[in-house]
Amino acid sequence: MFLVAVLILGFPRELPGSAEMREQAIKEGHLPKKDHKLRGRLRDMIPATMQLIKTPTYVFNTLALTAGSLYGSGLSAFMAKYAELKFAVSPGFAGFTLGTVFIVGAAGSISFLYTSTFTGRGTFSEKERIEHRFLYFLLLPNS
């Protein structure tokens, strides 16, 4: 946890291009012009957390990720045994094959999300790319 905190401290206070994106989002009405409640102090964390909890998109996305994680962890515990019995392979081969499939699948989905979000070569509009950039960095630590 401390290693991740040190790595995050290496980032600049504001990423390049974020000021332009923020101005564009304010012009389009996606962000308020000024939020006086959030200043970055410790006592501002409770109102910010309450604001986050009241956001339906965040709540349902979190519930979906939790349900998917529970389903995936339950399924992965017995997937190798099922492959063993169904295809009559050794336990080592079943585990190795399923691990390879899962890693390649995860890397493929992450790389698709990255390329379609950041390079603009996907099928997403500019608004969707901005939302996916946020989700990419929000969900990256959970994967």
C-alpha atoms as a PDB file:
ATOM      1  CA  MET A   1       0.000   0.000   0.000  1.00  0.00           C
ATOM      2  CA  PHE A   2       2.811   2.391   0.826  1.00  0.00           C
ATOM      3  CA  LEU A   3       4.562   1.537  -2.416  1.00  0.00           C
ATOM      4  CA  VAL A   4       1.452   2.544  -4.360  1.00  0.00           C
ATOM      5  CA  ALA A   5       1.205   5.748  -2.309  1.00  0.00           C
ATOM      6  CA  VAL A   6       4.813   6.637  -3.151  1.00  0.00           C
ATOM      7  CA  LEU A   7       4.179   5.959  -6.840  1.00  0.00           C
ATOM      8  CA  ILE A   8       1.065   8.150  -6.824  1.00  0.00           C
ATOM      9  CA  LEU A   9       3.048  10.959  -5.201  1.00  0.00           C
ATOM     10  CA  GLY A  10       5.280  10.936  -8.269  1.00  0.00           C
ATOM     11  CA  PHE A  11       2.474  12.228 -10.482  1.00  0.00           C
ATOM     12  CA  PRO A  12       2.158  15.967 -11.074  1.00  0.00           C
ATOM     13  CA  ARG A  13      -0.636  17.904  -9.375  1.00  0.00           C
ATOM     14  CA  GLU A  14      -2.340  18.364 -12.734  1.00  0.00           C
ATOM     15  CA  LEU A  15      -1.801  16.136 -15.737  1.00  0.00           C
ATOM     16  CA  PRO A  16      -1.010  17.724 -19.117  1.00  0.00           C
ATOM     17  CA  GLY A  17      -4.158  18.619 -21.005  1.00  0.00           C
ATOM     18  CA  SER A  18      -6.466  18.258 -18.021  1.00  0.00           C
ATOM     19  CA  ALA A  19      -7.101  22.008 -17.767  1.00  0.00           C
ATOM     20  CA  GLU A  20      -8.389  22.093 -21.349  1.00  0.00           C
ATOM     21  CA  MET A  21     -10.547  19.016 -20.766  1.00  0.00           C
ATOM     22  CA  ARG A  22     -11.967  20.560 -17.582  1.00  0.00           C
ATOM     23  CA  GLU A  23     -12.801  23.802 -19.389  1.00  0.00           C
ATOM     24  CA  GLN A  24     -14.496  21.857 -22.170  1.00  0.00           C
ATOM     25  CA  ALA A  25     -16.531  19.840 -19.641  1.00  0.00           C
ATOM     26  CA  ILE A  26     -17.589  23.060 -17.877  1.00  0.00           C
ATOM     27  CA  LYS A  27     -18.682  24.576 -21.201  1.00  0.00           C
ATOM     28  CA  GLU A  28     -20.681  21.453 -22.050  1.00  0.00           C
ATOM     29  CA  GLY A  29     -22.301  21.470 -18.601  1.00  0.00           C
ATOM     30  CA  HIS A  30     -20.816  18.206 -17.321  1.00  0.00           C
ATOM     31  CA  LEU A  31     -19.041  19.949 -14.426  1.00  0.00           C
ATOM     32  CA  PRO A  32     -20.122  22.835 -12.212  1.00  0.00           C
ATOM     33  CA  LYS A  33     -18.185  26.094 -12.617  1.00  0.00           C
ATOM     34  CA  LYS A  34     -16.983  26.113  -9.008  1.00  0.00           C
ATOM     35  CA  ASP A  35     -17.415  23.684  -6.129  1.00  0.00           C
ATOM     36  CA  HIS A  36     -16.819  25.475  -2.850  1.00  0.00           C
ATOM     37  CA  LYS A  37     -17.355  22.343  -0.773  1.00  0.00           C
ATOM     38  CA  LEU A  38     -14.277  20.493  -2.002  1.00  0.00           C
ATOM     39  CA  ARG A  39     -10.924  21.994  -1.120  1.00  0.00           C
ATOM     40  CA  GLY A  40      -8.786  18.912  -0.463  1.00  0.00           C
ATOM     41  CA  ARG A  41      -8.705  19.183   3.316  1.00  0.00           C
ATOM     42  CA  LEU A  42      -9.349  16.260   5.642  1.00  0.00           C
ATOM     43  CA  ARG A  43     -12.665  17.618   6.912  1.00  0.00           C
ATOM     44  CA  ASP A  44     -13.921  17.849   3.317  1.00  0.00           C
ATOM     45  CA  MET A  45     -13.683  14.083   2.874  1.00  0.00           C
ATOM     46  CA  ILE A  46     -17.053  13.253   4.472  1.00  0.00           C
ATOM     47  CA  PRO A  47     -19.112  15.571   2.212  1.00  0.00           C
ATOM     48  CA  ALA A  48     -17.141  14.371  -0.796  1.00  0.00           C
ATOM     49  CA  THR A  49     -17.775  10.755   0.164  1.00  0.00           C
ATOM     50  CA  MET A  50     -21.466  11.446   0.646  1.00  0.00           C
ATOM     51  CA  GLN A  51     -21.601  13.121  -2.766  1.00  0.00           C
ATOM     52  CA  LEU A  52     -19.908  10.083  -4.287  1.00  0.00           C
ATOM     53  CA  ILE A  53     -22.297   7.657  -2.575  1.00  0.00           C
ATOM     54  CA  LYS A  54     -25.289   9.613  -3.896  1.00  0.00           C
ATOM     55  CA  THR A  55     -24.045   9.258  -7.494  1.00  0.00           C
ATOM     56  CA  PRO A  56     -26.018   6.374  -9.053  1.00  0.00           C
ATOM     57  CA  THR A  57     -23.401   5.669 -11.719  1.00  0.00           C
ATOM     58  CA  TYR A  58     -20.691   5.131  -9.132  1.00  0.00           C
ATOM     59  CA  VAL A  59     -22.916   3.049  -6.859  1.00  0.00           C
ATOM     60  CA  PHE A  60     -24.132   0.729  -9.608  1.00  0.00           C
ATOM     61  CA  ASN A  61     -20.675   0.420 -11.131  1.00  0.00           C
ATOM     62  CA  THR A  62     -19.276  -0.534  -7.723  1.00  0.00           C
ATOM     63  CA  LEU A  63     -22.074  -3.058  -7.153  1.00  0.00           C
ATOM     64  CA  ALA A  64     -21.487  -4.560 -10.603  1.00  0.00           C
ATOM     65  CA  LEU A  65     -17.746  -4.877  -9.997  1.00  0.00           C
ATOM     66  CA  THR A  66     -18.373  -6.462  -6.601  1.00  0.00           C
ATOM     67  CA  ALA A  67     -20.849  -8.966  -8.031  1.00  0.00           C
ATOM     68  CA  GLY A  68     -18.499  -9.754 -10.900  1.00  0.00           C
ATOM     69  CA  SER A  69     -15.593 -10.277  -8.532  1.00  0.00           C
ATOM     70  CA  LEU A  70     -17.644 -12.593  -6.316  1.00  0.00           C
ATOM     71  CA  TYR A  71     -18.825 -14.545  -9.346  1.00  0.00           C
ATOM     72  CA  GLY A  72     -15.340 -14.735 -10.819  1.00  0.00           C
ATOM     73  CA  SER A  73     -13.689 -15.847  -7.596  1.00  0.00           C
ATOM     74  CA  GLY A  74     -16.336 -18.501  -7.014  1.00  0.00           C
ATOM     75  CA  LEU A  75     -16.078 -19.741 -10.566  1.00  0.00           C
ATOM     76  CA  SER A  76     -12.293 -19.749 -10.684  1.00  0.00           C
ATOM     77  CA  ALA A  77     -12.062 -21.990  -7.634  1.00  0.00           C
ATOM     78  CA  PHE A  78     -13.781 -24.841  -9.474  1.00  0.00           C
ATOM     79  CA  MET A  79     -13.018 -24.054 -13.126  1.00  0.00           C
ATOM     80  CA  ALA A  80      -9.805 -26.109 -13.241  1.00  0.00           C
ATOM     81  CA  LYS A  81     -11.516 -29.097 -11.628  1.00  0.00           C
ATOM     82  CA  TYR A  82     -14.370 -28.868 -14.124  1.00  0.00           C
ATOM     83  CA  ALA A  83     -11.911 -28.718 -17.049  1.00  0.00           C
ATOM     84  CA  GLU A  84     -10.052 -31.671 -15.561  1.00  0.00           C
ATOM     85  CA  LEU A  85     -13.167 -33.839 -15.435  1.00  0.00           C
ATOM     86  CA  LYS A  86     -14.750 -32.639 -18.667  1.00  0.00           C
ATOM     87  CA  PHE A  87     -11.684 -32.936 -20.914  1.00  0.00           C
ATOM     88  CA  ALA A  88      -9.698 -35.632 -19.032  1.00  0.00           C
ATOM     89  CA  VAL A  89      -6.521 -33.579 -18.643  1.00  0.00           C
ATOM     90  CA  SER A  90      -4.040 -33.397 -15.782  1.00  0.00           C
ATOM     91  CA  PRO A  91      -4.575 -30.818 -13.024  1.00  0.00           C
ATOM     92  CA  GLY A  92      -1.380 -28.981 -13.951  1.00  0.00           C
ATOM     93  CA  PHE A  93      -2.323 -28.667 -17.606  1.00  0.00           C
ATOM     94  CA  ALA A  94      -5.855 -27.546 -16.747  1.00  0.00           C
ATOM     95  CA  GLY A  95      -4.558 -24.861 -14.375  1.00  0.00           C
ATOM     96  CA  PHE A  96      -1.884 -23.689 -16.801  1.00  0.00           C
ATOM     97  CA  THR A  97      -4.324 -23.497 -19.716  1.00  0.00           C
ATOM     98  CA  LEU A  98      -6.998 -21.634 -17.769  1.00  0.00           C
ATOM     99  CA  GLY A  99      -4.423 -19.235 -16.309  1.00  0.00           C
ATOM    100  CA  THR A 100      -3.131 -18.475 -19.785  1.00  0.00           C
ATOM    101  CA  VAL A 101      -6.637 -17.902 -21.128  1.00  0.00           C
ATOM    102  CA  PHE A 102      -7.544 -15.605 -18.235  1.00  0.00           C
ATOM    103  CA  ILE A 103      -4.346 -13.545 -18.447  1.00  0.00           C
ATOM    104  CA  VAL A 104      -4.588 -13.120 -22.213  1.00  0.00           C
ATOM    105  CA  GLY A 105      -8.286 -12.195 -21.898  1.00  0.00           C
ATOM    106  CA  ALA A 106      -7.598  -9.622 -19.185  1.00  0.00           C
ATOM    107  CA  ALA A 107      -4.692  -8.126 -21.110  1.00  0.00           C
ATOM    108  CA  GLY A 108      -6.815  -7.962 -24.260  1.00  0.00           C
ATOM    109  CA  SER A 109      -9.689  -6.188 -22.563  1.00  0.00           C
ATOM    110  CA  ILE A 110      -7.375  -3.723 -20.820  1.00  0.00           C
ATOM    111  CA  SER A 111      -5.477  -2.990 -24.029  1.00  0.00           C
ATOM    112  CA  PHE A 112      -8.747  -2.511 -25.962  1.00  0.00           C
ATOM    113  CA  LEU A 113      -9.994  -0.087 -23.336  1.00  0.00           C
ATOM    114  CA  TYR A 114      -6.663   1.739 -23.367  1.00  0.00           C
ATOM    115  CA  THR A 115      -6.347   2.037 -27.142  1.00  0.00           C
ATOM    116  CA  SER A 116      -9.962   2.983 -27.731  1.00  0.00           C
ATOM    117  CA  THR A 117      -9.885   5.519 -24.909  1.00  0.00           C
ATOM    118  CA  PHE A 118      -6.555   7.265 -25.302  1.00  0.00           C
ATOM    119  CA  THR A 119      -5.665   6.977 -28.966  1.00  0.00           C
ATOM    120  CA  GLY A 120      -9.071   7.808 -30.387  1.00  0.00           C
ATOM    121  CA  ARG A 121      -8.994   4.846 -32.756  1.00  0.00           C
ATOM    122  CA  GLY A 122     -12.009   3.156 -31.177  1.00  0.00           C
ATOM    123  CA  THR A 123     -15.690   3.519 -31.829  1.00  0.00           C
ATOM    124  CA  PHE A 124     -16.319   5.937 -28.971  1.00  0.00           C
ATOM    125  CA  SER A 125     -17.303   9.588 -29.181  1.00  0.00           C
ATOM    126  CA  GLU A 126     -15.215  12.269 -27.454  1.00  0.00           C
ATOM    127  CA  LYS A 127     -17.599  12.375 -24.485  1.00  0.00           C
ATOM    128  CA  GLU A 128     -17.411   8.586 -24.094  1.00  0.00           C
ATOM    129  CA  ARG A 129     -13.606   8.694 -24.324  1.00  0.00           C
ATOM    130  CA  ILE A 130     -13.481  11.235 -21.480  1.00  0.00           C
ATOM    131  CA  GLU A 131     -15.731   9.002 -19.376  1.00  0.00           C
ATOM    132  CA  HIS A 132     -13.655   5.919 -20.198  1.00  0.00           C
ATOM    133  CA  ARG A 133     -10.428   7.691 -19.247  1.00  0.00           C
ATOM    134  CA  PHE A 134     -11.927   8.358 -15.837  1.00  0.00           C
ATOM    135  CA  LEU A 135     -13.180   4.774 -15.493  1.00  0.00           C
ATOM    136  CA  TYR A 136      -9.860   3.355 -16.690  1.00  0.00           C
ATOM    137  CA  PHE A 137      -7.947   5.082 -13.918  1.00  0.00           C
ATOM    138  CA  LEU A 138     -10.716   4.484 -11.383  1.00  0.00           C
ATOM    139  CA  LEU A 139     -10.905   0.756 -12.039  1.00  0.00           C
ATOM    140  CA  LEU A 140      -7.255   0.030 -12.768  1.00  0.00           C
ATOM    141  CA  PRO A 141      -6.320  -0.638  -9.116  1.00  0.00           C
ATOM    142  CA  ASN A 142      -9.208  -3.127  -8.825  1.00  0.00           C
ATOM    143  CA  SER A 143      -8.015  -5.357 -11.653  1.00  0.00           C
END
